[in-house]
Amino acid sequence: QVQLVESGGGLVQPGGSLRLSCAASGTIFSLNAMGWYRQAPGKERELVASMPGSGSFTNYADSVKGRFTILRDNDKNTLYLQMSSLRREDTAAYYCYAIRDRTTYWGQGTQVTVSS
C-alpha cells in the first residue's frame, strides 16, 4: 500500500509560479513510476509529467514543456511539480500518482487556479 499526500495548490496570477508536493509513505525507490496528472472541468484527464522509479528520465506533456519540472527528493520520499509561467489554461485539479507492482495509487488532488 502506498499513501500519497499532496499539498501546495492555490490561486496564482498568470505568469506566476507554484510548487506542488506529493509525500509518499515508504521509500520511493520501490516505486515503478510516479508523476502528475491534471483535470480541468469538462476536459479529459491529462498526463502532465512523469518519471520512472529510478528517476533516470522525465516526460512532459507538450503543453507544459519548458514551464514545468518534475523533481524528487529521495531523502524525504517526496515528489514535486515545479510550475512556472503559469497560464489560465493550467487551471485544474492536479493529482500525483505512483505505480508499484502494477497497482496505481493516487493522491487526493490539489486545486491550482490561475487567475488575475
PDB file of N, CA and C in Angstrom:
ATOM      1  N   GLN A   1       0.852  -1.195   0.000  1.00  0.00           N
ATOM      2  CA  GLN A   1       0.000   0.000   0.000  1.00  0.00           C
ATOM      3  C   GLN A   1       0.881   1.236   0.000  1.00  0.00           C
ATOM      4  N   VAL A   2       0.553   2.161  -0.858  1.00  0.00           N
ATOM      5  CA  VAL A   2       1.276   3.431  -0.935  1.00  0.00           C
ATOM      6  C   VAL A   2       0.284   4.556  -0.686  1.00  0.00           C
ATOM      7  N   GLN A   3       0.599   5.418   0.246  1.00  0.00           N
ATOM      8  CA  GLN A   3      -0.243   6.580   0.500  1.00  0.00           C
ATOM      9  C   GLN A   3       0.463   7.822  -0.008  1.00  0.00           C
ATOM     10  N   LEU A   4      -0.297   8.667  -0.680  1.00  0.00           N
ATOM     11  CA  LEU A   4       0.241   9.883  -1.262  1.00  0.00           C
ATOM     12  C   LEU A   4      -0.536  11.076  -0.721  1.00  0.00           C
ATOM     13  N   VAL A   5       0.175  12.051  -0.196  1.00  0.00           N
ATOM     14  CA  VAL A   5      -0.459  13.243   0.355  1.00  0.00           C
ATOM     15  C   VAL A   5       0.080  14.461  -0.384  1.00  0.00           C
ATOM     16  N   GLU A   6      -0.820  15.181  -1.036  1.00  0.00           N
ATOM     17  CA  GLU A   6      -0.440  16.331  -1.830  1.00  0.00           C
ATOM     18  C   GLU A   6      -0.623  17.630  -1.058  1.00  0.00           C
ATOM     19  N   SER A   7       0.141  18.623  -1.480  1.00  0.00           N
ATOM     20  CA  SER A   7      -0.020  19.967  -0.932  1.00  0.00           C
ATOM     21  C   SER A   7       0.559  20.968  -1.920  1.00  0.00           C
ATOM     22  N   GLY A   8       0.231  22.233  -1.713  1.00  0.00           N
ATOM     23  CA  GLY A   8       0.864  23.284  -2.495  1.00  0.00           C
ATOM     24  C   GLY A   8       0.000  23.973  -3.519  1.00  0.00           C
ATOM     25  N   GLY A   9      -1.231  23.531  -3.711  1.00  0.00           N
ATOM     26  CA  GLY A   9      -2.090  24.202  -4.670  1.00  0.00           C
ATOM     27  C   GLY A   9      -2.560  25.554  -4.156  1.00  0.00           C
ATOM     28  N   GLY A  10      -3.231  26.294  -5.033  1.00  0.00           N
ATOM     29  CA  GLY A  10      -3.752  27.588  -4.626  1.00  0.00           C
ATOM     30  C   GLY A  10      -4.049  28.483  -5.810  1.00  0.00           C
ATOM     31  N   LEU A  11      -4.237  29.738  -5.510  1.00  0.00           N
ATOM     32  CA  LEU A  11      -4.541  30.755  -6.518  1.00  0.00           C
ATOM     33  C   LEU A  11      -3.263  31.512  -6.863  1.00  0.00           C
ATOM     34  N   VAL A  12      -3.001  31.649  -8.144  1.00  0.00           N
ATOM     35  CA  VAL A  12      -1.795  32.350  -8.587  1.00  0.00           C
ATOM     36  C   VAL A  12      -2.139  33.167  -9.826  1.00  0.00           C
ATOM     37  N   GLN A  13      -1.471  34.260  -9.999  1.00  0.00           N
ATOM     38  CA  GLN A  13      -1.714  35.113 -11.165  1.00  0.00           C
ATOM     39  C   GLN A  13      -1.021  34.548 -12.399  1.00  0.00           C
ATOM     40  N   PRO A  14      -1.540  34.845 -13.564  1.00  0.00           N
ATOM     41  CA  PRO A  14      -0.853  34.418 -14.803  1.00  0.00           C
ATOM     42  C   PRO A  14       0.592  34.889 -14.805  1.00  0.00           C
ATOM     43  N   GLY A  15       1.481  33.989 -15.224  1.00  0.00           N
ATOM     44  CA  GLY A  15       2.904  34.290 -15.209  1.00  0.00           C
ATOM     45  C   GLY A  15       3.601  33.916 -13.915  1.00  0.00           C
ATOM     46  N   GLY A  16       2.823  33.559 -12.921  1.00  0.00           N
ATOM     47  CA  GLY A  16       3.377  33.223 -11.619  1.00  0.00           C
ATOM     48  C   GLY A  16       3.882  31.797 -11.542  1.00  0.00           C
ATOM     49  N   SER A  17       4.356  31.445 -10.339  1.00  0.00           N
ATOM     50  CA  SER A  17       4.914  30.116 -10.105  1.00  0.00           C
ATOM     51  C   SER A  17       4.260  29.474  -8.898  1.00  0.00           C
ATOM     52  N   LEU A  18       4.316  28.148  -8.885  1.00  0.00           N
ATOM     53  CA  LEU A  18       3.748  27.384  -7.786  1.00  0.00           C
ATOM     54  C   LEU A  18       4.473  26.044  -7.744  1.00  0.00           C
ATOM     55  N   ARG A  19       4.642  25.495  -6.543  1.00  0.00           N
ATOM     56  CA  ARG A  19       5.241  24.174  -6.422  1.00  0.00           C
ATOM     57  C   ARG A  19       4.296  23.240  -5.684  1.00  0.00           C
ATOM     58  N   LEU A  20       3.984  22.144  -6.325  1.00  0.00           N
ATOM     59  CA  LEU A  20       3.159  21.112  -5.707  1.00  0.00           C
ATOM     60  C   LEU A  20       4.075  20.049  -5.103  1.00  0.00           C
ATOM     61  N   SER A  21       3.633  19.492  -3.973  1.00  0.00           N
ATOM     62  CA  SER A  21       4.376  18.434  -3.307  1.00  0.00           C
ATOM     63  C   SER A  21       3.508  17.201  -3.168  1.00  0.00           C
ATOM     64  N   CYS A  22       4.134  16.039  -3.193  1.00  0.00           N
ATOM     65  CA  CYS A  22       3.424  14.776  -3.027  1.00  0.00           C
ATOM     66  C   CYS A  22       4.302  13.884  -2.157  1.00  0.00           C
ATOM     67  N   ALA A  23       3.920  13.767  -0.888  1.00  0.00           N
ATOM     68  CA  ALA A  23       4.686  12.965   0.051  1.00  0.00           C
ATOM     69  C   ALA A  23       4.188  11.529   0.026  1.00  0.00           C
ATOM     70  N   ALA A  24       5.115  10.604  -0.172  1.00  0.00           N
ATOM     71  CA  ALA A  24       4.760   9.187  -0.265  1.00  0.00           C
ATOM     72  C   ALA A  24       5.134   8.457   1.011  1.00  0.00           C
ATOM     73  N   SER A  25       4.294   7.495   1.388  1.00  0.00           N
ATOM     74  CA  SER A  25       4.637   6.641   2.515  1.00  0.00           C
ATOM     75  C   SER A  25       5.643   5.603   2.025  1.00  0.00           C
ATOM     76  N   GLY A  26       6.685   5.395   2.757  1.00  0.00           N
ATOM     77  CA  GLY A  26       7.686   4.429   2.335  1.00  0.00           C
ATOM     78  C   GLY A  26       8.647   5.013   1.321  1.00  0.00           C
ATOM     79  N   THR A  27       9.631   4.245   0.951  1.00  0.00           N
ATOM     80  CA  THR A  27      10.653   4.729   0.051  1.00  0.00           C
ATOM     81  C   THR A  27      10.156   4.793  -1.387  1.00  0.00           C
ATOM     82  N   ILE A  28      10.486   5.847  -2.067  1.00  0.00           N
ATOM     83  CA  ILE A  28      10.057   5.987  -3.455  1.00  0.00           C
ATOM     84  C   ILE A  28      10.935   5.163  -4.388  1.00  0.00           C
ATOM     85  N   PHE A  29      12.017   4.617  -3.863  1.00  0.00           N
ATOM     86  CA  PHE A  29      12.844   3.750  -4.680  1.00  0.00           C
ATOM     87  C   PHE A  29      12.098   2.470  -5.061  1.00  0.00           C
ATOM     88  N   SER A  30      11.112   2.101  -4.258  1.00  0.00           N
ATOM     89  CA  SER A  30      10.378   0.873  -4.533  1.00  0.00           C
ATOM     90  C   SER A  30       9.300   1.064  -5.598  1.00  0.00           C
ATOM     91  N   LEU A  31       9.089   2.291  -6.004  1.00  0.00           N
ATOM     92  CA  LEU A  31       8.040   2.580  -6.979  1.00  0.00           C
ATOM     93  C   LEU A  31       8.536   2.322  -8.400  1.00  0.00           C
ATOM     94  N   ASN A  32       7.638   1.879  -9.253  1.00  0.00           N
ATOM     95  CA  ASN A  32       7.975   1.640 -10.653  1.00  0.00           C
ATOM     96  C   ASN A  32       7.926   2.917 -11.479  1.00  0.00           C
ATOM     97  N   ALA A  33       7.011   3.807 -11.093  1.00  0.00           N
ATOM     98  CA  ALA A  33       6.867   5.082 -11.796  1.00  0.00           C
ATOM     99  C   ALA A  33       6.069   6.031 -10.920  1.00  0.00           C
ATOM    100  N   MET A  34       6.180   7.316 -11.207  1.00  0.00           N
ATOM    101  CA  MET A  34       5.400   8.325 -10.479  1.00  0.00           C
ATOM    102  C   MET A  34       5.256   9.550 -11.366  1.00  0.00           C
ATOM    103  N   GLY A  35       4.279  10.366 -11.029  1.00  0.00           N
ATOM    104  CA  GLY A  35       4.088  11.553 -11.845  1.00  0.00           C
ATOM    105  C   GLY A  35       2.872  12.331 -11.437  1.00  0.00           C
ATOM    106  N   TRP A  36       2.448  13.203 -12.353  1.00  0.00           N
ATOM    107  CA  TRP A  36       1.327  14.102 -12.100  1.00  0.00           C
ATOM    108  C   TRP A  36       0.355  14.098 -13.274  1.00  0.00           C
ATOM    109  N   TYR A  37      -0.929  14.041 -12.944  1.00  0.00           N
ATOM    110  CA  TYR A  37      -1.999  14.257 -13.891  1.00  0.00           C
ATOM    111  C   TYR A  37      -2.734  15.531 -13.488  1.00  0.00           C
ATOM    112  N   ARG A  38      -3.504  16.042 -14.405  1.00  0.00           N
ATOM    113  CA  ARG A  38      -4.413  17.135 -14.063  1.00  0.00           C
ATOM    114  C   ARG A  38      -5.717  16.960 -14.817  1.00  0.00           C
ATOM    115  N   GLN A  39      -6.763  17.546 -14.256  1.00  0.00           N
ATOM    116  CA  GLN A  39      -8.065  17.502 -14.915  1.00  0.00           C
ATOM    117  C   GLN A  39      -8.808  18.796 -14.660  1.00  0.00           C
ATOM    118  N   ALA A  40      -9.177  19.432 -15.737  1.00  0.00           N
ATOM    119  CA  ALA A  40      -9.968  20.659 -15.664  1.00  0.00           C
ATOM    120  C   ALA A  40     -11.431  20.316 -15.906  1.00  0.00           C
ATOM    121  N   PRO A  41     -12.350  21.115 -15.393  1.00  0.00           N
ATOM    122  CA  PRO A  41     -13.782  20.849 -15.593  1.00  0.00           C
ATOM    123  C   PRO A  41     -14.128  20.737 -17.071  1.00  0.00           C
ATOM    124  N   GLY A  42     -14.818  19.663 -17.414  1.00  0.00           N
ATOM    125  CA  GLY A  42     -15.244  19.471 -18.794  1.00  0.00           C
ATOM    126  C   GLY A  42     -14.167  18.985 -19.736  1.00  0.00           C
ATOM    127  N   LYS A  43     -12.990  18.699 -19.204  1.00  0.00           N
ATOM    128  CA  LYS A  43     -11.884  18.239 -20.049  1.00  0.00           C
ATOM    129  C   LYS A  43     -11.413  16.864 -19.600  1.00  0.00           C
ATOM    130  N   GLU A  44     -10.730  16.181 -20.509  1.00  0.00           N
ATOM    131  CA  GLU A  44     -10.192  14.881 -20.172  1.00  0.00           C
ATOM    132  C   GLU A  44      -8.961  15.023 -19.263  1.00  0.00           C
ATOM    133  N   ARG A  45      -8.705  13.974 -18.511  1.00  0.00           N
ATOM    134  CA  ARG A  45      -7.523  13.946 -17.664  1.00  0.00           C
ATOM    135  C   ARG A  45      -6.274  13.961 -18.544  1.00  0.00           C
ATOM    136  N   GLU A  46      -5.296  14.712 -18.138  1.00  0.00           N
ATOM    137  CA  GLU A  46      -4.068  14.882 -18.925  1.00  0.00           C
ATOM    138  C   GLU A  46      -2.848  14.510 -18.086  1.00  0.00           C
ATOM    139  N   LEU A  47      -1.991  13.684 -18.657  1.00  0.00           N
ATOM    140  CA  LEU A  47      -0.721  13.372 -18.007  1.00  0.00           C
ATOM    141  C   LEU A  47       0.203  14.562 -18.184  1.00  0.00           C
ATOM    142  N   VAL A  48       0.625  15.154 -17.091  1.00  0.00           N
ATOM    143  CA  VAL A  48       1.439  16.363 -17.131  1.00  0.00           C
ATOM    144  C   VAL A  48       2.923  16.044 -17.155  1.00  0.00           C
ATOM    145  N   ALA A  49       3.358  15.186 -16.236  1.00  0.00           N
ATOM    146  CA  ALA A  49       4.785  14.867 -16.129  1.00  0.00           C
ATOM    147  C   ALA A  49       4.933  13.522 -15.439  1.00  0.00           C
ATOM    148  N   SER A  50       5.994  12.807 -15.767  1.00  0.00           N
ATOM    149  CA  SER A  50       6.208  11.508 -15.150  1.00  0.00           C
ATOM    150  C   SER A  50       7.686  11.155 -15.160  1.00  0.00           C
ATOM    151  N   MET A  51       8.035  10.182 -14.325  1.00  0.00           N
ATOM    152  CA  MET A  51       9.381   9.637 -14.312  1.00  0.00           C
ATOM    153  C   MET A  51       9.325   8.211 -13.807  1.00  0.00           C
ATOM    154  N   PRO A  52      10.282   7.386 -14.187  1.00  0.00           N
ATOM    155  CA  PRO A  52      10.306   6.023 -13.645  1.00  0.00           C
ATOM    156  C   PRO A  52      10.826   6.048 -12.216  1.00  0.00           C
ATOM    157  N   GLY A  53      10.714   4.919 -11.532  1.00  0.00           N
ATOM    158  CA  GLY A  53      11.169   4.839 -10.154  1.00  0.00           C
ATOM    159  C   GLY A  53      12.641   5.173  -9.997  1.00  0.00           C
ATOM    160  N   SER A  54      13.424   4.873 -11.011  1.00  0.00           N
ATOM    161  CA  SER A  54      14.852   5.179 -10.970  1.00  0.00           C
ATOM    162  C   SER A  54      15.124   6.673 -11.096  1.00  0.00           C
ATOM    163  N   GLY A  55      14.140   7.414 -11.612  1.00  0.00           N
ATOM    164  CA  GLY A  55      14.352   8.843 -11.831  1.00  0.00           C
ATOM    165  C   GLY A  55      15.320   9.144 -12.947  1.00  0.00           C
ATOM    166  N   SER A  56      15.560   8.172 -13.818  1.00  0.00           N
ATOM    167  CA  SER A  56      16.600   8.312 -14.836  1.00  0.00           C
ATOM    168  C   SER A  56      16.203   9.216 -15.995  1.00  0.00           C
ATOM    169  N   PHE A  57      14.929   9.432 -16.194  1.00  0.00           N
ATOM    170  CA  PHE A  57      14.493  10.362 -17.229  1.00  0.00           C
ATOM    171  C   PHE A  57      13.129  10.920 -16.847  1.00  0.00           C
ATOM    172  N   THR A  58      12.693  11.931 -17.564  1.00  0.00           N
ATOM    173  CA  THR A  58      11.402  12.558 -17.303  1.00  0.00           C
ATOM    174  C   THR A  58      10.634  12.732 -18.602  1.00  0.00           C
ATOM    175  N   ASN A  59       9.331  12.760 -18.490  1.00  0.00           N
ATOM    176  CA  ASN A  59       8.458  13.010 -19.638  1.00  0.00           C
ATOM    177  C   ASN A  59       7.500  14.146 -19.297  1.00  0.00           C
ATOM    178  N   TYR A  60       7.186  14.955 -20.296  1.00  0.00           N
ATOM    179  CA  TYR A  60       6.274  16.073 -20.086  1.00  0.00           C
ATOM    180  C   TYR A  60       5.267  16.163 -21.219  1.00  0.00           C
ATOM    181  N   ALA A  61       4.073  16.625 -20.872  1.00  0.00           N
ATOM    182  CA  ALA A  61       3.104  16.956 -21.900  1.00  0.00           C
ATOM    183  C   ALA A  61       3.628  18.153 -22.689  1.00  0.00           C
ATOM    184  N   ASP A  62       3.322  18.190 -23.965  1.00  0.00           N
ATOM    185  CA  ASP A  62       3.784  19.312 -24.792  1.00  0.00           C
ATOM    186  C   ASP A  62       3.308  20.653 -24.236  1.00  0.00           C
ATOM    187  N   SER A  63       2.143  20.646 -23.626  1.00  0.00           N
ATOM    188  CA  SER A  63       1.549  21.889 -23.139  1.00  0.00           C
ATOM    189  C   SER A  63       2.315  22.508 -21.975  1.00  0.00           C
ATOM    190  N   VAL A  64       3.186  21.723 -21.326  1.00  0.00           N
ATOM    191  CA  VAL A  64       3.903  22.240 -20.154  1.00  0.00           C
ATOM    192  C   VAL A  64       5.414  22.221 -20.320  1.00  0.00           C
ATOM    193  N   LYS A  65       5.907  21.692 -21.423  1.00  0.00           N
ATOM    194  CA  LYS A  65       7.352  21.618 -21.632  1.00  0.00           C
ATOM    195  C   LYS A  65       7.994  22.992 -21.550  1.00  0.00           C
ATOM    196  N   GLY A  66       9.089  23.043 -20.816  1.00  0.00           N
ATOM    197  CA  GLY A  66       9.796  24.314 -20.657  1.00  0.00           C
ATOM    198  C   GLY A  66       9.255  25.178 -19.534  1.00  0.00           C
ATOM    199  N   ARG A  67       8.098  24.788 -18.982  1.00  0.00           N
ATOM    200  CA  ARG A  67       7.495  25.583 -17.899  1.00  0.00           C
ATOM    201  C   ARG A  67       7.379  24.792 -16.598  1.00  0.00           C
ATOM    202  N   PHE A  68       7.161  23.496 -16.700  1.00  0.00           N
ATOM    203  CA  PHE A  68       7.004  22.651 -15.517  1.00  0.00           C
ATOM    204  C   PHE A  68       8.214  21.730 -15.390  1.00  0.00           C
ATOM    205  N   THR A  69       8.550  21.406 -14.145  1.00  0.00           N
ATOM    206  CA  THR A  69       9.647  20.473 -13.879  1.00  0.00           C
ATOM    207  C   THR A  69       9.217  19.491 -12.801  1.00  0.00           C
ATOM    208  N   ILE A  70       9.390  18.217 -13.075  1.00  0.00           N
ATOM    209  CA  ILE A  70       9.109  17.188 -12.074  1.00  0.00           C
ATOM    210  C   ILE A  70      10.417  16.876 -11.359  1.00  0.00           C
ATOM    211  N   LEU A  71      10.337  16.876 -10.033  1.00  0.00           N
ATOM    212  CA  LEU A  71      11.521  16.679  -9.208  1.00  0.00           C
ATOM    213  C   LEU A  71      11.211  15.674  -8.117  1.00  0.00           C
ATOM    214  N   ARG A  72      12.249  15.123  -7.534  1.00  0.00           N
ATOM    215  CA  ARG A  72      12.048  14.212  -6.416  1.00  0.00           C
ATOM    216  C   ARG A  72      13.130  14.437  -5.372  1.00  0.00           C
ATOM    217  N   ASP A  73      12.755  14.213  -4.126  1.00  0.00           N
ATOM    218  CA  ASP A  73      13.695  14.247  -3.014  1.00  0.00           C
ATOM    219  C   ASP A  73      13.656  12.863  -2.378  1.00  0.00           C
ATOM    220  N   ASN A  74      14.678  12.088  -2.626  1.00  0.00           N
ATOM    221  CA  ASN A  74      14.676  10.703  -2.144  1.00  0.00           C
ATOM    222  C   ASN A  74      14.718  10.634  -0.621  1.00  0.00           C
ATOM    223  N   ASP A  75      15.408  11.566  -0.002  1.00  0.00           N
ATOM    224  CA  ASP A  75      15.508  11.551   1.465  1.00  0.00           C
ATOM    225  C   ASP A  75      14.164  11.818   2.121  1.00  0.00           C
ATOM    226  N   LYS A  76      13.346  12.637   1.472  1.00  0.00           N
ATOM    227  CA  LYS A  76      12.036  12.993   2.024  1.00  0.00           C
ATOM    228  C   LYS A  76      10.916  12.147   1.420  1.00  0.00           C
ATOM    229  N   ASN A  77      11.259  11.255   0.485  1.00  0.00           N
ATOM    230  CA  ASN A  77      10.232  10.441  -0.202  1.00  0.00           C
ATOM    231  C   ASN A  77       9.127  11.324  -0.768  1.00  0.00           C
ATOM    232  N   THR A  78       9.539  12.382  -1.405  1.00  0.00           N
ATOM    233  CA  THR A  78       8.584  13.374  -1.895  1.00  0.00           C
ATOM    234  C   THR A  78       8.821  13.691  -3.361  1.00  0.00           C
ATOM    235  N   LEU A  79       7.717  13.798  -4.068  1.00  0.00           N
ATOM    236  CA  LEU A  79       7.716  14.172  -5.481  1.00  0.00           C
ATOM    237  C   LEU A  79       7.212  15.601  -5.581  1.00  0.00           C
ATOM    238  N   TYR A  80       7.791  16.381  -6.472  1.00  0.00           N
ATOM    239  CA  TYR A  80       7.390  17.768  -6.643  1.00  0.00           C
ATOM    240  C   TYR A  80       7.024  18.055  -8.098  1.00  0.00           C
ATOM    241  N   LEU A  81       6.197  19.060  -8.265  1.00  0.00           N
ATOM    242  CA  LEU A  81       5.953  19.602  -9.593  1.00  0.00           C
ATOM    243  C   LEU A  81       6.162  21.105  -9.493  1.00  0.00           C
ATOM    244  N   GLN A  82       7.279  21.568 -10.022  1.00  0.00           N
ATOM    245  CA  GLN A  82       7.573  22.994 -10.036  1.00  0.00           C
ATOM    246  C   GLN A  82       6.959  23.593 -11.288  1.00  0.00           C
ATOM    247  N   MET A  83       6.055  24.550 -11.098  1.00  0.00           N
ATOM    248  CA  MET A  83       5.325  25.145 -12.221  1.00  0.00           C
ATOM    249  C   MET A  83       5.669  26.628 -12.309  1.00  0.00           C
ATOM    250  N   SER A  84       6.038  27.069 -13.471  1.00  0.00           N
ATOM    251  CA  SER A  84       6.338  28.479 -13.680  1.00  0.00           C
ATOM    252  C   SER A  84       5.654  28.960 -14.951  1.00  0.00           C
ATOM    253  N   SER A  85       5.664  30.266 -15.153  1.00  0.00           N
ATOM    254  CA  SER A  85       4.993  30.883 -16.307  1.00  0.00           C
ATOM    255  C   SER A  85       3.579  30.332 -16.460  1.00  0.00           C
ATOM    256  N   LEU A  86       2.878  30.288 -15.355  1.00  0.00           N
ATOM    257  CA  LEU A  86       1.541  29.683 -15.353  1.00  0.00           C
ATOM    258  C   LEU A  86       0.571  30.466 -16.222  1.00  0.00           C
ATOM    259  N   ARG A  87      -0.310  29.712 -16.857  1.00  0.00           N
ATOM    260  CA  ARG A  87      -1.328  30.274 -17.749  1.00  0.00           C
ATOM    261  C   ARG A  87      -2.704  29.920 -17.226  1.00  0.00           C
ATOM    262  N   ARG A  88      -3.706  30.665 -17.680  1.00  0.00           N
ATOM    263  CA  ARG A  88      -5.073  30.379 -17.233  1.00  0.00           C
ATOM    264  C   ARG A  88      -5.468  28.941 -17.583  1.00  0.00           C
ATOM    265  N   GLU A  89      -4.973  28.449 -18.699  1.00  0.00           N
ATOM    266  CA  GLU A  89      -5.340  27.090 -19.097  1.00  0.00           C
ATOM    267  C   GLU A  89      -4.669  26.011 -18.257  1.00  0.00           C
ATOM    268  N   ASP A  90      -3.791  26.393 -17.336  1.00  0.00           N
ATOM    269  CA  ASP A  90      -3.215  25.434 -16.392  1.00  0.00           C
ATOM    270  C   ASP A  90      -4.136  25.191 -15.204  1.00  0.00           C
ATOM    271  N   THR A  91      -5.209  25.958 -15.116  1.00  0.00           N
ATOM    272  CA  THR A  91      -6.168  25.780 -14.034  1.00  0.00           C
ATOM    273  C   THR A  91      -6.769  24.389 -14.095  1.00  0.00           C
ATOM    274  N   ALA A  92      -6.639  23.656 -12.993  1.00  0.00           N
ATOM    275  CA  ALA A  92      -7.117  22.276 -12.947  1.00  0.00           C
ATOM    276  C   ALA A  92      -6.890  21.705 -11.557  1.00  0.00           C
ATOM    277  N   ALA A  93      -7.474  20.546 -11.324  1.00  0.00           N
ATOM    278  CA  ALA A  93      -7.115  19.753 -10.147  1.00  0.00           C
ATOM    279  C   ALA A  93      -5.925  18.883 -10.539  1.00  0.00           C
ATOM    280  N   TYR A  94      -4.890  18.912  -9.724  1.00  0.00           N
ATOM    281  CA  TYR A  94      -3.669  18.166 -10.007  1.00  0.00           C
ATOM    282  C   TYR A  94      -3.567  16.977  -9.051  1.00  0.00           C
ATOM    283  N   TYR A  95      -3.250  15.828  -9.630  1.00  0.00           N
ATOM    284  CA  TYR A  95      -3.166  14.590  -8.865  1.00  0.00           C
ATOM    285  C   TYR A  95      -1.798  13.945  -9.069  1.00  0.00           C
ATOM    286  N   CYS A  96      -1.140  13.575  -7.986  1.00  0.00           N
ATOM    287  CA  CYS A  96       0.057  12.772  -8.146  1.00  0.00           C
ATOM    288  C   CYS A  96      -0.340  11.300  -8.127  1.00  0.00           C
ATOM    289  N   TYR A  97       0.489  10.491  -8.750  1.00  0.00           N
ATOM    290  CA  TYR A  97       0.233   9.063  -8.781  1.00  0.00           C
ATOM    291  C   TYR A  97       1.552   8.318  -8.620  1.00  0.00           C
ATOM    292  N   ALA A  98       1.423   7.069  -8.213  1.00  0.00           N
ATOM    293  CA  ALA A  98       2.594   6.207  -8.100  1.00  0.00           C
ATOM    294  C   ALA A  98       2.176   4.797  -8.479  1.00  0.00           C
ATOM    295  N   ILE A  99       3.068   4.107  -9.145  1.00  0.00           N
ATOM    296  CA  ILE A  99       2.802   2.740  -9.568  1.00  0.00           C
ATOM    297  C   ILE A  99       3.805   1.817  -8.902  1.00  0.00           C
ATOM    298  N   ARG A 100       3.282   0.780  -8.283  1.00  0.00           N
ATOM    299  CA  ARG A 100       4.139  -0.247  -7.719  1.00  0.00           C
ATOM    300  C   ARG A 100       3.485  -1.591  -7.930  1.00  0.00           C
ATOM    301  N   ASP A 101       4.246  -2.489  -8.509  1.00  0.00           N
ATOM    302  CA  ASP A 101       3.752  -3.852  -8.745  1.00  0.00           C
ATOM    303  C   ASP A 101       2.422  -3.832  -9.486  1.00  0.00           C
ATOM    304  N   ARG A 102       2.338  -2.998 -10.520  1.00  0.00           N
ATOM    305  CA  ARG A 102       1.182  -2.907 -11.416  1.00  0.00           C
ATOM    306  C   ARG A 102      -0.067  -2.354 -10.740  1.00  0.00           C
ATOM    307  N   THR A 103       0.069  -1.780  -9.566  1.00  0.00           N
ATOM    308  CA  THR A 103      -1.047  -1.110  -8.907  1.00  0.00           C
ATOM    309  C   THR A 103      -0.772   0.386  -8.896  1.00  0.00           C
ATOM    310  N   THR A 104      -1.778   1.165  -9.284  1.00  0.00           N
ATOM    311  CA  THR A 104      -1.637   2.614  -9.311  1.00  0.00           C
ATOM    312  C   THR A 104      -2.292   3.222  -8.072  1.00  0.00           C
ATOM    313  N   TYR A 105      -1.550   4.084  -7.406  1.00  0.00           N
ATOM    314  CA  TYR A 105      -2.041   4.782  -6.223  1.00  0.00           C
ATOM    315  C   TYR A 105      -2.157   6.263  -6.550  1.00  0.00           C
ATOM    316  N   TRP A 106      -3.129   6.926  -5.920  1.00  0.00           N
ATOM    317  CA  TRP A 106      -3.413   8.325  -6.227  1.00  0.00           C
ATOM    318  C   TRP A 106      -3.411   9.185  -4.981  1.00  0.00           C
ATOM    319  N   GLY A 107      -2.967  10.425  -5.166  1.00  0.00           N
ATOM    320  CA  GLY A 107      -3.136  11.419  -4.132  1.00  0.00           C
ATOM    321  C   GLY A 107      -4.562  11.943  -4.142  1.00  0.00           C
ATOM    322  N   GLN A 108      -4.885  12.784  -3.172  1.00  0.00           N
ATOM    323  CA  GLN A 108      -6.258  13.278  -3.030  1.00  0.00           C
ATOM    324  C   GLN A 108      -6.566  14.430  -3.984  1.00  0.00           C
ATOM    325  N   GLY A 109      -5.529  14.973  -4.604  1.00  0.00           N
ATOM    326  CA  GLY A 109      -5.713  16.075  -5.538  1.00  0.00           C
ATOM    327  C   GLY A 109      -5.559  17.426  -4.857  1.00  0.00           C
ATOM    328  N   THR A 110      -5.051  18.373  -5.617  1.00  0.00           N
ATOM    329  CA  THR A 110      -4.923  19.741  -5.121  1.00  0.00           C
ATOM    330  C   THR A 110      -5.288  20.697  -6.258  1.00  0.00           C
ATOM    331  N   GLN A 111      -6.063  21.719  -5.935  1.00  0.00           N
ATOM    332  CA  GLN A 111      -6.557  22.633  -6.954  1.00  0.00           C
ATOM    333  C   GLN A 111      -5.554  23.743  -7.234  1.00  0.00           C
ATOM    334  N   VAL A 112      -5.311  23.968  -8.509  1.00  0.00           N
ATOM    335  CA  VAL A 112      -4.495  25.099  -8.959  1.00  0.00           C
ATOM    336  C   VAL A 112      -5.378  25.992  -9.807  1.00  0.00           C
ATOM    337  N   THR A 113      -5.477  27.248  -9.425  1.00  0.00           N
ATOM    338  CA  THR A 113      -6.279  28.212 -10.159  1.00  0.00           C
ATOM    339  C   THR A 113      -5.391  29.372 -10.583  1.00  0.00           C
ATOM    340  N   VAL A 114      -5.330  29.592 -11.884  1.00  0.00           N
ATOM    341  CA  VAL A 114      -4.517  30.683 -12.432  1.00  0.00           C
ATOM    342  C   VAL A 114      -5.466  31.770 -12.898  1.00  0.00           C
ATOM    343  N   SER A 115      -5.455  32.879 -12.197  1.00  0.00           N
ATOM    344  CA  SER A 115      -6.412  33.948 -12.489  1.00  0.00           C
ATOM    345  C   SER A 115      -5.878  35.263 -11.948  1.00  0.00           C
ATOM    346  N   SER A 116      -6.239  36.339 -12.631  1.00  0.00           N
ATOM    347  CA  SER A 116      -5.874  37.658 -12.142  1.00  0.00           C
ATOM    348  C   SER A 116      -7.010  38.254 -11.323  1.00  0.00           C
TER     349      SER A 116
END
